[in-house]
Amino acid sequence: MLTVVNQPAFEKTMPERAQQIGHLQAHSLTSLAQREIEQMILGGEFTPGERINENALANQLGISRGPVREACRALAAMGLVQLIPNRGVFIRVISEDEAVEVYEMRAGIFGYAGMLLAPRITDDQLAYLYLLVEQMERAAQANDFDRYYPPNLTFHDYLVSATGNQRLIRTYHDLVRQLHLFRARGLVTGNGMKESNREHREIVKALAARDQQRAFNAMAGHVNSGQRRTLGDANRR
């Protein structure tokens, strides 16, 4: 008499394993494509309203079109691109009304991050923030936007990440992605970099004083000033 041995639930047949591996590979390629395309958008390689050529992008990344298509769907959910039926994928154009709404949300979130961070910030964290401010100061004095912008991004990201509030961090980053091109343009004009960095210095001073209300005012006010610099510049164009 034959004894039937049941296959343990955790064991998989070869076709099942192949299917799982294929799924993981597709997921990994989609994630890779999403990261690369996002960096291209945020790095200014695409301009608002520009159409993304999925075939050309797939060839450039050395992958098939499928992961690129899935990556574009994910980027659409993040608000970076727009999927238009029968036309394709386009870099999203944010209207000034939308930008105002996002700035208002960002000001509240960034200010609240200051309130969370003020009582718990460490001396080492303050030293790092002062270092970034000095880097930006040298770049601003030289009117060198390419040197100014990387530490500027790091400064804001560091302040939010230091709160440890993961939901706040995710929400903030989603808003920043949508405003990236607006913010970059606003810093270039006039004394935008110098004015912005004076506000950075006030933020660090407020945090060093462990003053929650002062930190909220400095950080929310910085975003509101950025809105004025950026959208004011847009209106002059």
Protein backbone atom coordinates (compact mmCIF):
# COMPACT_ATOMS: atom_id res chain seq x y z
CA MET A 1 0.00 0.00 0.00
CA LEU A 2 1.38 3.38 -1.01
CA THR A 3 1.67 6.05 1.62
CA VAL A 4 0.82 9.55 0.45
CA VAL A 5 3.04 12.16 2.01
CA ASN A 6 1.51 15.60 2.02
CA GLN A 7 3.78 18.35 0.76
CA PRO A 8 4.53 20.89 3.51
CA ALA A 9 2.76 24.19 2.95
CA PHE A 10 6.05 26.07 2.77
CA GLU A 11 7.44 23.90 -0.03
CA LYS A 12 6.77 24.97 -3.60
CA THR A 13 6.87 23.15 -6.90
CA MET A 14 9.37 24.26 -9.55
CA PRO A 15 6.72 26.14 -11.58
CA GLU A 16 5.57 27.90 -8.41
CA ARG A 17 9.13 28.88 -7.55
CA ALA A 18 9.76 30.12 -11.08
CA GLN A 19 6.57 32.17 -10.93
CA GLN A 20 7.60 33.68 -7.58
CA ILE A 21 11.10 34.51 -8.83
CA GLY A 22 9.63 36.10 -11.94
CA HIS A 23 7.31 38.20 -9.79
CA LEU A 24 10.18 39.34 -7.55
CA GLN A 25 12.32 40.22 -10.57
CA ALA A 26 9.50 42.23 -12.14
CA HIS A 27 8.88 44.02 -8.84
CA SER A 28 12.59 44.81 -8.46
CA LEU A 29 12.83 46.16 -12.01
CA THR A 30 9.73 48.30 -11.48
CA SER A 31 11.19 49.74 -8.26
CA LEU A 32 14.49 50.39 -10.02
CA ALA A 33 12.76 52.10 -12.94
CA GLN A 34 10.64 54.19 -10.57
CA ARG A 35 13.69 55.42 -8.65
CA GLU A 36 15.60 56.24 -11.83
CA ILE A 37 12.72 58.10 -13.50
CA GLU A 38 11.95 60.00 -10.30
CA GLN A 39 15.57 61.13 -10.05
CA MET A 40 15.50 62.21 -13.70
CA ILE A 41 12.37 64.28 -13.08
CA LEU A 42 13.68 65.85 -9.87
CA GLY A 43 17.07 66.41 -11.49
CA GLY A 44 15.50 68.49 -14.25
CA GLU A 45 16.10 66.05 -17.12
CA PHE A 46 12.40 66.32 -17.93
CA THR A 47 10.45 69.57 -17.96
CA PRO A 48 6.82 70.05 -16.87
CA GLY A 49 4.46 69.02 -19.66
CA GLU A 50 7.08 66.94 -21.48
CA ARG A 51 6.02 63.52 -22.77
CA ILE A 52 7.93 60.48 -21.53
CA ASN A 53 8.92 58.07 -24.30
CA GLU A 54 8.53 54.71 -22.55
CA ASN A 55 10.34 52.74 -25.26
CA ALA A 56 13.34 55.06 -25.30
CA LEU A 57 13.45 55.11 -21.51
CA ALA A 58 13.30 51.31 -21.33
CA ASN A 59 16.22 51.09 -23.77
CA GLN A 60 18.16 53.66 -21.78
CA LEU A 61 17.64 51.69 -18.55
CA GLY A 62 18.31 48.36 -20.24
CA ILE A 63 14.96 46.82 -19.28
CA SER A 64 11.68 45.94 -20.99
CA ARG A 65 8.84 48.40 -21.35
CA GLY A 66 6.63 46.63 -18.77
CA PRO A 67 8.51 47.78 -15.63
CA VAL A 68 8.73 51.31 -17.06
CA ARG A 69 4.96 51.35 -17.58
CA GLU A 70 4.34 50.14 -14.01
CA ALA A 71 6.84 52.69 -12.68
CA CYS A 72 4.96 55.47 -14.47
CA ARG A 73 1.72 54.35 -12.83
CA ALA A 74 3.41 54.59 -9.42
CA LEU A 75 4.81 58.03 -10.25
CA ALA A 76 1.33 59.14 -11.31
CA ALA A 77 0.02 58.11 -7.88
CA MET A 78 2.80 60.26 -6.35
CA GLY A 79 1.69 63.25 -8.41
CA LEU A 80 4.84 63.53 -10.54
CA VAL A 81 3.41 62.43 -13.89
CA GLN A 82 0.03 62.37 -15.57
CA LEU A 83 -1.34 59.42 -17.56
CA ILE A 84 -3.44 60.63 -20.49
CA PRO A 85 -5.37 57.87 -22.32
CA ASN A 86 -4.34 57.38 -25.96
CA ARG A 87 -1.64 60.03 -25.59
CA GLY A 88 0.90 58.72 -23.10
CA VAL A 89 2.71 59.78 -19.94
CA PHE A 90 3.52 63.43 -19.31
CA ILE A 91 5.46 65.24 -16.60
CA ARG A 92 2.81 66.86 -14.47
CA VAL A 93 2.33 70.61 -14.70
CA ILE A 94 1.32 72.06 -11.34
CA SER A 95 -0.88 75.12 -11.55
CA GLU A 96 -0.22 78.09 -9.30
CA ASP A 97 -3.45 77.38 -7.39
CA GLU A 98 -2.28 73.82 -6.74
CA ALA A 99 1.15 75.07 -5.72
CA VAL A 100 -0.40 77.45 -3.18
CA GLU A 101 -2.38 74.58 -1.63
CA VAL A 102 0.72 72.39 -1.40
CA TYR A 103 2.77 75.23 0.08
CA GLU A 104 0.11 75.81 2.74
CA MET A 105 0.15 72.14 3.70
CA ARG A 106 3.93 72.03 3.67
CA ALA A 107 4.21 75.09 5.92
CA GLY A 108 2.03 73.45 8.56
CA ILE A 109 3.89 70.13 8.41
CA PHE A 110 7.35 71.72 8.40
CA GLY A 111 6.42 73.99 11.30
CA TYR A 112 5.08 71.05 13.28
CA ALA A 113 8.32 69.17 12.60
CA GLY A 114 10.09 72.07 14.32
CA MET A 115 7.85 71.76 17.37
CA LEU A 116 8.58 68.04 17.59
CA LEU A 117 12.31 68.47 17.11
CA ALA A 118 13.02 71.47 19.37
CA PRO A 119 12.91 69.69 22.75
CA ARG A 120 14.82 66.61 21.58
CA ILE A 121 17.48 67.87 19.18
CA THR A 122 21.05 66.92 20.12
CA ASP A 123 24.20 69.02 20.02
CA ASP A 124 25.60 66.78 17.27
CA GLN A 125 22.50 67.35 15.15
CA LEU A 126 22.77 71.10 15.68
CA ALA A 127 26.44 71.03 14.68
CA TYR A 128 25.55 69.24 11.44
CA LEU A 129 22.81 71.78 10.67
CA TYR A 130 25.22 74.67 11.29
CA LEU A 131 27.70 72.98 8.92
CA LEU A 132 25.06 72.84 6.18
CA VAL A 133 24.16 76.48 6.77
CA GLU A 134 27.81 77.49 6.34
CA GLN A 135 28.09 75.47 3.13
CA MET A 136 25.01 77.23 1.77
CA GLU A 137 26.35 80.61 2.89
CA ARG A 138 29.54 80.19 0.86
CA ALA A 139 27.55 79.10 -2.19
CA ALA A 140 25.09 81.98 -1.81
CA GLN A 141 27.88 84.55 -1.52
CA ALA A 142 29.37 83.15 -4.73
CA ASN A 143 25.90 83.14 -6.34
CA ASP A 144 26.52 79.46 -7.14
CA PHE A 145 23.15 77.73 -7.33
CA ASP A 146 24.63 74.33 -8.24
CA ARG A 147 26.63 74.33 -4.99
CA TYR A 148 23.76 75.76 -2.95
CA TYR A 149 20.93 73.42 -3.89
CA PRO A 150 22.26 70.00 -2.67
CA PRO A 151 22.92 71.13 0.95
CA ASN A 152 19.62 73.03 0.81
CA LEU A 153 17.75 69.80 0.08
CA THR A 154 19.77 67.94 2.72
CA PHE A 155 19.00 70.62 5.32
CA HIS A 156 15.23 70.33 4.89
CA ASP A 157 15.22 66.54 4.65
CA TYR A 158 17.39 66.23 7.75
CA LEU A 159 15.11 68.44 9.84
CA VAL A 160 12.06 66.38 8.96
CA SER A 161 13.77 62.98 9.22
CA ALA A 162 15.18 63.88 12.65
CA THR A 163 11.63 63.95 14.07
CA GLY A 164 11.38 60.18 13.61
CA ASN A 165 7.68 60.53 12.73
CA GLN A 166 7.40 58.26 9.69
CA ARG A 167 3.94 59.42 8.60
CA LEU A 168 5.01 63.06 8.77
CA ILE A 169 8.18 62.24 6.81
CA ARG A 170 6.27 60.45 4.03
CA THR A 171 3.68 63.21 3.72
CA TYR A 172 6.34 65.92 3.64
CA HIS A 173 8.37 64.15 0.96
CA ASP A 174 5.27 63.67 -1.21
CA LEU A 175 4.59 67.41 -1.05
CA VAL A 176 8.21 68.34 -1.75
CA ARG A 177 8.34 66.14 -4.83
CA GLN A 178 5.42 68.02 -6.33
CA LEU A 179 7.01 71.41 -5.63
CA HIS A 180 10.56 70.55 -6.64
CA LEU A 181 10.70 72.44 -9.94
CA PHE A 182 8.87 75.44 -8.47
CA ARG A 183 11.26 75.67 -5.53
CA ALA A 184 14.40 75.37 -7.62
CA ARG A 185 13.31 78.20 -9.89
CA GLY A 186 12.43 80.47 -6.97
CA LEU A 187 15.85 80.23 -5.36
CA VAL A 188 17.78 81.24 -8.47
CA THR A 189 16.39 84.74 -8.84
CA GLY A 190 17.62 87.88 -7.12
CA ASN A 191 18.82 87.39 -3.55
CA GLY A 192 16.76 84.24 -3.10
CA MET A 193 19.64 82.08 -1.86
CA LYS A 194 20.92 84.65 0.64
CA GLU A 195 17.46 85.39 1.99
CA SER A 196 16.61 81.70 2.24
CA ASN A 197 19.81 80.93 4.12
CA ARG A 198 19.19 83.71 6.63
CA GLU A 199 15.96 81.90 7.40
CA HIS A 200 17.88 78.61 7.70
CA ARG A 201 20.14 80.20 10.29
CA GLU A 202 17.14 81.43 12.30
CA ILE A 203 15.67 77.91 12.23
CA VAL A 204 18.85 76.45 13.74
CA LYS A 205 18.97 79.19 16.39
CA ALA A 206 15.36 78.47 17.36
CA LEU A 207 16.11 74.76 17.66
CA ALA A 208 19.28 75.45 19.65
CA ALA A 209 17.15 77.47 22.09
CA ARG A 210 14.82 74.43 22.40
CA ASP A 211 11.95 76.87 21.86
CA GLN A 212 9.06 74.99 20.24
CA GLN A 213 6.96 78.02 19.29
CA ARG A 214 9.95 79.87 17.88
CA ALA A 215 10.93 76.77 15.90
CA PHE A 216 7.40 76.43 14.52
CA ASN A 217 7.32 80.10 13.50
CA ALA A 218 10.77 79.95 11.90
CA MET A 219 10.12 76.78 9.92
CA ALA A 220 6.56 77.57 8.83
CA GLY A 221 7.64 81.12 8.01
CA HIS A 222 10.51 79.80 5.90
CA VAL A 223 8.08 77.83 3.73
CA ASN A 224 5.75 80.82 3.43
CA SER A 225 8.68 82.99 2.34
CA GLY A 226 9.65 80.33 -0.18
CA GLN A 227 6.13 80.47 -1.56
CA ARG A 228 6.41 84.24 -1.96
CA ARG A 229 9.81 83.99 -3.65
CA THR A 230 8.77 81.19 -5.97
CA LEU A 231 5.25 82.13 -6.99
CA GLY A 232 6.12 85.81 -7.09
CA ASP A 233 8.85 84.94 -9.58
CA ALA A 234 6.40 82.80 -11.57
CA ASN A 235 4.00 85.73 -11.84
CA ARG A 236 6.75 87.96 -13.24
CA ARG A 237 7.49 85.53 -16.07
